[in-house]
Amino acid sequence: MDPNTKKRMAAAIAAVYRYLRSQEEQQLAMVGMTQEIPGLTMKVPSLWSVSGRQATMEMRRLLQLRMVR
């Protein structure tokens, strides 16, 4: 085989290997996403605290704009 053919063959083999490797990693990532991590649960914030925080942020913005004195 001439050197150009060897280079092309090596590049093709490397490309196929990388593609198969990325597919394996993607499958492992999908399996990892479906498994739940014990002890990691999200708490839903109450609407009362969210609205209070929102009002505080709005008042701060108005004070920064010097709308309220």
C-alpha atoms as a PDB file:
ATOM      1  CA  MET A   1       0.000   0.000   0.000  1.00  0.00           C
ATOM      2  CA  ASP A   2       1.154   3.490  -0.702  1.00  0.00           C
ATOM      3  CA  PRO A   3       1.424   6.057   2.143  1.00  0.00           C
ATOM      4  CA  ASN A   4      -1.708   8.006   1.116  1.00  0.00           C
ATOM      5  CA  THR A   5      -3.859   4.873   1.234  1.00  0.00           C
ATOM      6  CA  LYS A   6      -2.487   3.993   4.669  1.00  0.00           C
ATOM      7  CA  LYS A   7      -3.244   7.507   5.947  1.00  0.00           C
ATOM      8  CA  ARG A   8      -6.789   7.397   4.583  1.00  0.00           C
ATOM      9  CA  MET A   9      -7.379   3.939   6.066  1.00  0.00           C
ATOM     10  CA  ALA A  10      -6.081   5.066   9.476  1.00  0.00           C
ATOM     11  CA  ALA A  11      -8.257   8.198   9.372  1.00  0.00           C
ATOM     12  CA  ALA A  12     -11.344   6.167   8.448  1.00  0.00           C
ATOM     13  CA  ILE A  13     -10.720   3.652  11.229  1.00  0.00           C
ATOM     14  CA  ALA A  14     -10.150   6.451  13.755  1.00  0.00           C
ATOM     15  CA  ALA A  15     -13.363   8.186  12.684  1.00  0.00           C
ATOM     16  CA  VAL A  16     -15.401   4.984  13.086  1.00  0.00           C
ATOM     17  CA  TYR A  17     -13.816   4.328  16.478  1.00  0.00           C
ATOM     18  CA  ARG A  18     -14.609   7.869  17.666  1.00  0.00           C
ATOM     19  CA  TYR A  19     -18.197   7.551  16.453  1.00  0.00           C
ATOM     20  CA  LEU A  20     -18.705   4.246  18.270  1.00  0.00           C
ATOM     21  CA  ARG A  21     -17.062   5.645  21.391  1.00  0.00           C
ATOM     22  CA  SER A  22     -19.340   8.700  21.387  1.00  0.00           C
ATOM     23  CA  GLN A  23     -22.397   6.465  21.002  1.00  0.00           C
ATOM     24  CA  GLU A  24     -21.299   4.402  24.016  1.00  0.00           C
ATOM     25  CA  GLU A  25     -20.748   7.551  26.084  1.00  0.00           C
ATOM     26  CA  GLN A  26     -24.146   8.876  25.069  1.00  0.00           C
ATOM     27  CA  GLN A  27     -25.839   5.628  26.117  1.00  0.00           C
ATOM     28  CA  LEU A  28     -24.037   5.659  29.462  1.00  0.00           C
ATOM     29  CA  ALA A  29     -25.065   9.274  30.005  1.00  0.00           C
ATOM     30  CA  MET A  30     -28.697   8.439  29.261  1.00  0.00           C
ATOM     31  CA  VAL A  31     -28.605   5.563  31.765  1.00  0.00           C
ATOM     32  CA  GLY A  32     -27.027   7.868  34.344  1.00  0.00           C
ATOM     33  CA  MET A  33     -29.742  10.469  33.845  1.00  0.00           C
ATOM     34  CA  THR A  34     -32.537   8.005  34.515  1.00  0.00           C
ATOM     35  CA  GLN A  35     -31.094   6.805  37.815  1.00  0.00           C
ATOM     36  CA  GLU A  36     -32.057   8.819  40.869  1.00  0.00           C
ATOM     37  CA  ILE A  37     -29.400   9.962  43.296  1.00  0.00           C
ATOM     38  CA  PRO A  38     -30.410   9.069  46.861  1.00  0.00           C
ATOM     39  CA  GLY A  39     -30.680  11.986  49.244  1.00  0.00           C
ATOM     40  CA  LEU A  40     -30.960  14.551  46.463  1.00  0.00           C
ATOM     41  CA  THR A  41     -34.490  15.860  46.392  1.00  0.00           C
ATOM     42  CA  MET A  42     -35.677  19.289  45.359  1.00  0.00           C
ATOM     43  CA  LYS A  43     -37.926  21.240  47.647  1.00  0.00           C
ATOM     44  CA  VAL A  44     -40.653  23.247  45.989  1.00  0.00           C
ATOM     45  CA  PRO A  45     -40.528  26.822  47.328  1.00  0.00           C
ATOM     46  CA  SER A  46     -43.729  28.241  48.718  1.00  0.00           C
ATOM     47  CA  LEU A  47     -45.517  30.957  46.780  1.00  0.00           C
ATOM     48  CA  TRP A  48     -45.446  33.178  49.851  1.00  0.00           C
ATOM     49  CA  SER A  49     -41.642  33.272  49.962  1.00  0.00           C
ATOM     50  CA  VAL A  50     -41.343  33.703  46.196  1.00  0.00           C
ATOM     51  CA  SER A  51     -43.708  36.675  46.129  1.00  0.00           C
ATOM     52  CA  GLY A  52     -41.932  38.244  49.111  1.00  0.00           C
ATOM     53  CA  ARG A  53     -38.578  37.930  47.398  1.00  0.00           C
ATOM     54  CA  GLN A  54     -40.017  39.365  44.217  1.00  0.00           C
ATOM     55  CA  ALA A  55     -41.445  42.381  46.076  1.00  0.00           C
ATOM     56  CA  THR A  56     -38.109  42.949  47.822  1.00  0.00           C
ATOM     57  CA  MET A  57     -36.222  42.855  44.537  1.00  0.00           C
ATOM     58  CA  GLU A  58     -38.686  45.270  42.936  1.00  0.00           C
ATOM     59  CA  MET A  59     -38.367  47.723  45.841  1.00  0.00           C
ATOM     60  CA  ARG A  60     -34.577  47.538  45.632  1.00  0.00           C
ATOM     61  CA  ARG A  61     -34.705  48.289  41.923  1.00  0.00           C
ATOM     62  CA  LEU A  62     -36.915  51.303  42.530  1.00  0.00           C
ATOM     63  CA  LEU A  63     -34.552  52.552  45.227  1.00  0.00           C
ATOM     64  CA  GLN A  64     -31.597  52.146  42.900  1.00  0.00           C
ATOM     65  CA  LEU A  65     -33.397  54.176  40.261  1.00  0.00           C
ATOM     66  CA  ARG A  66     -34.173  56.775  42.970  1.00  0.00           C
ATOM     67  CA  MET A  67     -37.888  56.510  42.289  1.00  0.00           C
ATOM     68  CA  VAL A  68     -38.740  56.151  45.970  1.00  0.00           C
ATOM     69  CA  ARG A  69     -37.257  58.362  48.654  1.00  0.00           C
END
